[in-house]
C-alpha atoms as a PDB file:
ATOM      1  CA  MET A   1       5.125  -1.951 -12.129  1.00  0.00           C
ATOM      2  CA  LYS A   2       2.089  -0.416 -10.263  1.00  0.00           C
ATOM      3  CA  ILE A   3       1.972  -0.745  -6.435  1.00  0.00           C
ATOM      4  CA  ALA A   4      -0.534  -0.403  -3.760  1.00  0.00           C
ATOM      5  CA  LEU A   5      -0.469   1.498  -0.613  1.00  0.00           C
ATOM      6  CA  ILE A   6      -2.777   1.021   2.462  1.00  0.00           C
ATOM      7  CA  ALA A   7      -2.004   2.637   5.878  1.00  0.00           C
ATOM      8  CA  HIS A   8      -4.414   2.719   9.165  1.00  0.00           C
ATOM      9  CA  ASP A   9      -4.655   5.987  10.621  1.00  0.00           C
ATOM     10  CA  GLY A  10      -1.952   5.683  13.121  1.00  0.00           C
ATOM     11  CA  LYS A  11       0.443   4.821  10.727  1.00  0.00           C
ATOM     12  CA  LYS A  12      -0.223   7.215   7.725  1.00  0.00           C
ATOM     13  CA  ALA A  13       3.140   9.260   9.134  1.00  0.00           C
ATOM     14  CA  ASP A  14       4.834   6.568   9.292  1.00  0.00           C
ATOM     15  CA  MET A  15       4.061   5.523   5.458  1.00  0.00           C
ATOM     16  CA  VAL A  16       5.147   8.518   4.169  1.00  0.00           C
ATOM     17  CA  HIS A  17       7.648   9.105   6.016  1.00  0.00           C
ATOM     18  CA  PHE A  18       9.061   5.371   4.360  1.00  0.00           C
ATOM     19  CA  LEU A  19       8.529   6.397   0.863  1.00  0.00           C
ATOM     20  CA  SER A  20      10.511   9.847   1.635  1.00  0.00           C
ATOM     21  CA  GLY A  21      13.329   7.276   1.721  1.00  0.00           C
ATOM     22  CA  PHE A  22      12.489   5.526  -1.447  1.00  0.00           C
ATOM     23  CA  ARG A  23      11.716   9.024  -3.783  1.00  0.00           C
ATOM     24  CA  GLU A  24      14.354   8.456  -6.286  1.00  0.00           C
ATOM     25  CA  ARG A  25      14.136   4.731  -6.508  1.00  0.00           C
ATOM     26  CA  LEU A  26      10.539   5.069  -7.469  1.00  0.00           C
ATOM     27  CA  HIS A  27      10.879   7.460  -9.705  1.00  0.00           C
ATOM     28  CA  GLN A  28      13.951   5.483 -11.444  1.00  0.00           C
ATOM     29  CA  ALA A  29      11.726   2.414 -11.589  1.00  0.00           C
ATOM     30  CA  ASP A  30       8.705   4.207 -13.191  1.00  0.00           C
ATOM     31  CA  VAL A  31       6.968   2.526 -10.268  1.00  0.00           C
ATOM     32  CA  ASP A  32       2.816   3.736 -10.410  1.00  0.00           C
ATOM     33  CA  LEU A  33       1.624   4.130  -7.119  1.00  0.00           C
ATOM     34  CA  VAL A  34      -2.118   3.732  -6.159  1.00  0.00           C
ATOM     35  CA  ALA A  35      -3.738   4.207  -2.607  1.00  0.00           C
ATOM     36  CA  THR A  36      -6.678   4.230  -0.592  1.00  0.00           C
ATOM     37  CA  GLY A  37      -8.234   7.490  -0.393  1.00  0.00           C
ATOM     38  CA  THR A  38      -7.282   9.102   2.961  1.00  0.00           C
ATOM     39  CA  THR A  39      -3.731   7.298   2.597  1.00  0.00           C
ATOM     40  CA  GLY A  40      -3.328   8.621  -1.154  1.00  0.00           C
ATOM     41  CA  SER A  41      -4.207  12.034   0.130  1.00  0.00           C
ATOM     42  CA  HIS A  42      -1.228  12.158   2.816  1.00  0.00           C
ATOM     43  CA  ILE A  43       1.136  10.681   0.120  1.00  0.00           C
ATOM     44  CA  GLU A  44       0.286  13.365  -2.659  1.00  0.00           C
ATOM     45  CA  LYS A  45       0.507  15.979   0.039  1.00  0.00           C
ATOM     46  CA  ALA A  46       4.325  14.975   0.494  1.00  0.00           C
ATOM     47  CA  GLY A  47       4.896  15.244  -3.280  1.00  0.00           C
ATOM     48  CA  PHE A  48       4.332  11.746  -4.732  1.00  0.00           C
ATOM     49  CA  GLU A  49       2.258  11.444  -7.541  1.00  0.00           C
ATOM     50  CA  VAL A  50      -0.489   8.700  -6.723  1.00  0.00           C
ATOM     51  CA  ILE A  51      -3.753   7.345  -7.384  1.00  0.00           C
ATOM     52  CA  LYS A  52      -6.164   7.729  -5.180  1.00  0.00           C
ATOM     53  CA  LEU A  53      -9.122   5.176  -4.552  1.00  0.00           C
ATOM     54  CA  LEU A  54     -12.054   5.054  -1.777  1.00  0.00           C
ATOM     55  CA  SER A  55     -11.004   5.093   1.544  1.00  0.00           C
ATOM     56  CA  GLY A  56     -10.506   1.922   3.842  1.00  0.00           C
ATOM     57  CA  PRO A  57     -13.572   1.592   5.536  1.00  0.00           C
ATOM     58  CA  PHE A  58     -15.637   2.813   2.594  1.00  0.00           C
ATOM     59  CA  GLY A  59     -14.631  -0.023   0.079  1.00  0.00           C
ATOM     60  CA  GLY A  60     -10.671   1.012  -0.999  1.00  0.00           C
ATOM     61  CA  ASP A  61      -9.130  -2.183   1.101  1.00  0.00           C
ATOM     62  CA  ALA A  62     -11.897  -4.054  -1.579  1.00  0.00           C
ATOM     63  CA  GLN A  63     -10.732  -2.038  -4.668  1.00  0.00           C
ATOM     64  CA  ILE A  64      -7.294  -3.043  -3.873  1.00  0.00           C
ATOM     65  CA  ALA A  65      -7.719  -6.503  -3.161  1.00  0.00           C
ATOM     66  CA  ALA A  66      -9.708  -7.112  -6.693  1.00  0.00           C
ATOM     67  CA  MET A  67      -6.999  -5.181  -8.820  1.00  0.00           C
ATOM     68  CA  ALA A  68      -4.689  -8.084  -6.420  1.00  0.00           C
ATOM     69  CA  ALA A  69      -6.906 -10.809  -7.649  1.00  0.00           C
ATOM     70  CA  GLN A  70      -6.655  -9.584 -11.122  1.00  0.00           C
ATOM     71  CA  LYS A  71      -2.901  -9.403 -11.207  1.00  0.00           C
ATOM     72  CA  GLU A  72      -2.527  -5.884 -11.463  1.00  0.00           C
ATOM     73  CA  LEU A  73      -0.324  -5.108  -8.809  1.00  0.00           C
ATOM     74  CA  ALA A  74       3.551  -5.765  -8.107  1.00  0.00           C
ATOM     75  CA  MET A  75       3.012  -5.618  -4.580  1.00  0.00           C
ATOM     76  CA  VAL A  76       0.826  -4.248  -1.674  1.00  0.00           C
ATOM     77  CA  VAL A  77       2.255  -2.409   1.473  1.00  0.00           C
ATOM     78  CA  PHE A  78      -0.088  -2.001   4.246  1.00  0.00           C
ATOM     79  CA  PHE A  79       1.121  -0.519   7.529  1.00  0.00           C
ATOM     80  CA  ARG A  80      -1.606  -1.709  10.179  1.00  0.00           C
ATOM     81  CA  ASP A  81      -2.097  -0.449  13.116  1.00  0.00           C
ATOM     82  CA  PRO A  82      -2.514  -4.161  15.647  1.00  0.00           C
ATOM     83  CA  LEU A  83      -2.974  -1.562  18.620  1.00  0.00           C
ATOM     84  CA  ASP A  84      -5.961  -0.667  17.465  1.00  0.00           C
ATOM     85  CA  LYS A  85      -9.805  -1.890  16.436  1.00  0.00           C
ATOM     86  CA  HIS A  86     -10.742  -1.226  13.025  1.00  0.00           C
ATOM     87  CA  PRO A  87     -14.780  -1.775  12.043  1.00  0.00           C
ATOM     88  CA  HIS A  88     -13.826  -2.882   8.491  1.00  0.00           C
ATOM     89  CA  GLU A  89     -11.453  -5.489   9.436  1.00  0.00           C
ATOM     90  CA  PRO A  90     -13.279  -8.133   7.272  1.00  0.00           C
ATOM     91  CA  ASP A  91     -12.071  -6.289   4.611  1.00  0.00           C
ATOM     92  CA  VAL A  92      -8.537  -6.025   5.964  1.00  0.00           C
ATOM     93  CA  GLN A  93      -8.341  -9.656   6.161  1.00  0.00           C
ATOM     94  CA  MET A  94     -10.167 -10.315   2.681  1.00  0.00           C
ATOM     95  CA  LEU A  95      -7.470  -8.004   1.501  1.00  0.00           C
ATOM     96  CA  MET A  96      -4.774 -10.298   3.019  1.00  0.00           C
ATOM     97  CA  ARG A  97      -6.227 -13.956   1.895  1.00  0.00           C
ATOM     98  CA  ILE A  98      -6.570 -12.279  -2.029  1.00  0.00           C
ATOM     99  CA  CYS A  99      -3.176 -11.394  -1.847  1.00  0.00           C
ATOM    100  CA  ASP A 100      -1.862 -15.217  -0.418  1.00  0.00           C
ATOM    101  CA  VAL A 101      -4.455 -16.541  -2.561  1.00  0.00           C
ATOM    102  CA  HIS A 102      -2.899 -15.048  -5.897  1.00  0.00           C
ATOM    103  CA  ASN A 103       0.469 -14.446  -4.305  1.00  0.00           C
ATOM    104  CA  ILE A 104       0.925 -10.880  -4.676  1.00  0.00           C
ATOM    105  CA  PRO A 105       3.908  -9.778  -2.265  1.00  0.00           C
ATOM    106  CA  LEU A 106       2.530  -8.189   0.861  1.00  0.00           C
ATOM    107  CA  ALA A 107       4.465  -6.003   3.560  1.00  0.00           C
ATOM    108  CA  THR A 108       2.876  -5.014   6.642  1.00  0.00           C
ATOM    109  CA  ASN A 109       5.504  -3.090   8.605  1.00  0.00           C
ATOM    110  CA  PRO A 110       8.220  -0.773   7.189  1.00  0.00           C
ATOM    111  CA  ALA A 111      11.215  -3.347   7.618  1.00  0.00           C
ATOM    112  CA  SER A 112       9.436  -5.781   5.256  1.00  0.00           C
ATOM    113  CA  ALA A 113       8.129  -3.267   2.932  1.00  0.00           C
ATOM    114  CA  GLU A 114      12.060  -1.715   2.832  1.00  0.00           C
ATOM    115  CA  LEU A 115      13.546  -5.538   1.831  1.00  0.00           C
ATOM    116  CA  MET A 116      10.752  -5.765  -0.931  1.00  0.00           C
ATOM    117  CA  PHE A 117      10.794  -2.162  -1.817  1.00  0.00           C
ATOM    118  CA  LYS A 118      14.597  -2.786  -2.250  1.00  0.00           C
ATOM    119  CA  ALA A 119      14.076  -6.111  -4.227  1.00  0.00           C
ATOM    120  CA  PHE A 120      12.024  -4.195  -6.672  1.00  0.00           C
ATOM    121  CA  THR A 121      13.418  -1.168  -7.313  1.00  0.00           C
ATOM    122  CA  GLN A 122      16.924  -2.413  -8.283  1.00  0.00           C
ATOM    123  CA  THR A 123      18.161  -0.484 -10.865  1.00  0.00           C
END
């Protein structure tokens, strides 16, 4: 199972904290993590193995959208910062649309991500 992870700058620490609470479950469920570049670097520093793609504004969001369109992802976790402007907002909207079109579960906050992680990593 492959899970894509993205977090806006103001949410990267939240992503690392969230993942830390699921470290054992992720290991037991044999989950592959893939992330946009900067998010992936933060996740990697926390001791997780992660495949790092391009940074979001440089095409990482689009790379993850392509993976979703190819049905390569079990879910996408995208901790968005709704209170900040993002120059690559069209890419963000495109990723969300692709997830909807291809029926890929998408969590945009820790509460929804927790529900999905618990369902996907049940042992």
